[in-house]
Every structure is written in C-alpha cells, then in structure tokens.
Protein backbone atom coordinates (compact mmCIF):
# COMPACT_ATOMS: atom_id res chain seq x y z
CA UNK A 1 0.00 0.00 0.00
CA UNK A 2 2.75 2.45 0.99
CA UNK A 3 4.77 1.60 -2.12
CA UNK A 4 1.76 2.24 -4.34
CA UNK A 5 1.16 5.65 -2.73
CA UNK A 6 4.80 6.62 -3.15
CA UNK A 7 4.75 5.51 -6.78
CA UNK A 8 1.63 7.56 -7.47
CA UNK A 9 3.15 10.56 -5.66
CA UNK A 10 6.31 10.30 -7.78
CA UNK A 11 4.19 10.20 -10.96
CA UNK A 12 2.35 13.35 -9.88
CA UNK A 13 5.66 15.07 -9.09
CA UNK A 14 6.91 14.15 -12.59
CA UNK A 15 3.84 15.75 -14.18
CA UNK A 16 4.33 18.85 -12.01
CA UNK A 17 7.93 18.99 -13.27
CA UNK A 18 6.70 18.91 -16.85
CA UNK A 19 4.18 21.67 -16.13
CA UNK A 20 6.81 23.82 -14.44
CA UNK A 21 9.02 23.53 -17.53
CA UNK A 22 6.26 24.22 -20.09
CA UNK A 23 7.03 27.61 -21.59
CA UNK A 24 3.52 27.95 -23.07
CA UNK A 25 2.18 28.33 -19.52
CA UNK A 26 2.49 31.69 -17.73
CA UNK A 27 5.36 32.10 -15.28
CA UNK A 28 3.14 32.35 -12.21
CA UNK A 29 1.55 28.98 -13.06
CA UNK A 30 4.99 27.39 -13.52
CA UNK A 31 6.09 28.87 -10.19
CA UNK A 32 2.92 27.54 -8.53
CA UNK A 33 3.56 24.07 -9.94
CA UNK A 34 7.05 24.20 -8.44
CA UNK A 35 5.59 25.25 -5.08
CA UNK A 36 3.07 22.38 -5.18
CA UNK A 37 5.92 19.98 -5.97
CA UNK A 38 7.89 21.34 -3.01
CA UNK A 39 4.90 20.84 -0.72
CA UNK A 40 4.54 17.25 -1.86
CA UNK A 41 8.26 16.63 -1.34
CA UNK A 42 8.36 17.75 2.31
CA UNK A 43 9.23 14.51 4.09
CA UNK A 44 8.70 15.98 7.57
CA UNK A 45 4.93 16.32 7.17
CA UNK A 46 2.33 13.57 7.01
CA UNK A 47 1.34 12.43 3.52
CA UNK A 48 -2.28 13.62 3.86
CA UNK A 49 -1.15 17.10 4.95
CA UNK A 50 1.26 17.39 2.03
CA UNK A 51 -1.35 16.23 -0.48
CA UNK A 52 -4.07 18.54 0.89
CA UNK A 53 -1.68 21.49 0.80
CA UNK A 54 -0.71 20.78 -2.81
CA UNK A 55 -4.37 20.40 -3.81
CA UNK A 56 -5.12 23.82 -2.34
CA UNK A 57 -2.28 25.43 -4.25
CA UNK A 58 -3.24 23.72 -7.52
CA UNK A 59 -6.88 24.73 -7.07
CA UNK A 60 -5.77 28.36 -6.87
CA UNK A 61 -3.76 27.91 -10.06
CA UNK A 62 -6.67 26.28 -11.91
CA UNK A 63 -8.82 29.33 -11.21
CA UNK A 64 -6.28 31.76 -12.66
CA UNK A 65 -7.86 33.50 -15.68
CA UNK A 66 -4.55 33.61 -17.60
CA UNK A 67 -3.92 29.87 -17.70
CA UNK A 68 -4.27 28.24 -21.13
CA UNK A 69 -6.83 25.46 -21.50
CA UNK A 70 -4.24 22.67 -21.78
CA UNK A 71 -2.57 23.86 -18.57
CA UNK A 72 -5.88 23.90 -16.72
CA UNK A 73 -6.61 20.37 -17.95
CA UNK A 74 -3.26 19.13 -16.65
CA UNK A 75 -3.87 20.79 -13.28
CA UNK A 76 -7.34 19.24 -12.99
CA UNK A 77 -5.86 15.84 -13.82
CA UNK A 78 -3.20 16.28 -11.13
CA UNK A 79 -5.82 17.36 -8.58
CA UNK A 80 -7.89 14.28 -9.40
CA UNK A 81 -4.89 11.99 -8.90
CA UNK A 82 -4.02 13.69 -5.62
CA UNK A 83 -7.60 13.35 -4.36
CA UNK A 84 -7.48 9.63 -5.14
CA UNK A 85 -4.15 9.40 -3.35
CA UNK A 86 -5.61 11.26 -0.37
CA UNK A 87 -8.48 8.76 -0.18
CA UNK A 88 -6.00 5.88 -0.30
CA UNK A 89 -3.77 7.35 2.40
CA UNK A 90 -6.69 8.26 4.68
CA UNK A 91 -7.98 4.67 4.88
C-alpha cells in the first residue's frame, strides 16, 4: 500500500515537473507548480497534509484567468490523482 502511494506521488511530481518547464504556460503557473511539488516533497509532514496542501495550491492555479486550457486540464488531472491518493492514504 505504501509503495503504491509513493509511486503515485512520484508520478504526480513528474507531471508537475513537466508543467513547471512548459514555456507555453504563464510564469506564475509554472512557479505555482514548483511550489506544489515542493509541498509534496516535504518529508517531515504527514502524507495527507502534504497532499491537501498541494491540492489547495493547484486549485488556486486552476482558477487563474490567464492559464491556457491545456494547462488547466493538466492541473485538474493532477488534482484528481491527488484526491485519489488522499483517499488511499486516509484509509
């Protein structure tokens, strides 16, 4: 169970890396993706706290009016994966 959660978390972090390097996305969105990745990578906090914090940050980014449609779609996909991860970890 723990291995599966860590694998899923690493996949989400990889997608956040791709988003933070996508030059077609505004700089503030790339910076926010980097911040969400940093929140997920904080080993000192519990997994559910890290995931909830990253979801909050990504939700703010998804509501930014300047984000292109493909960037918003990627963020919604990441949020969905993190919510599934949160359900798995909370059990």
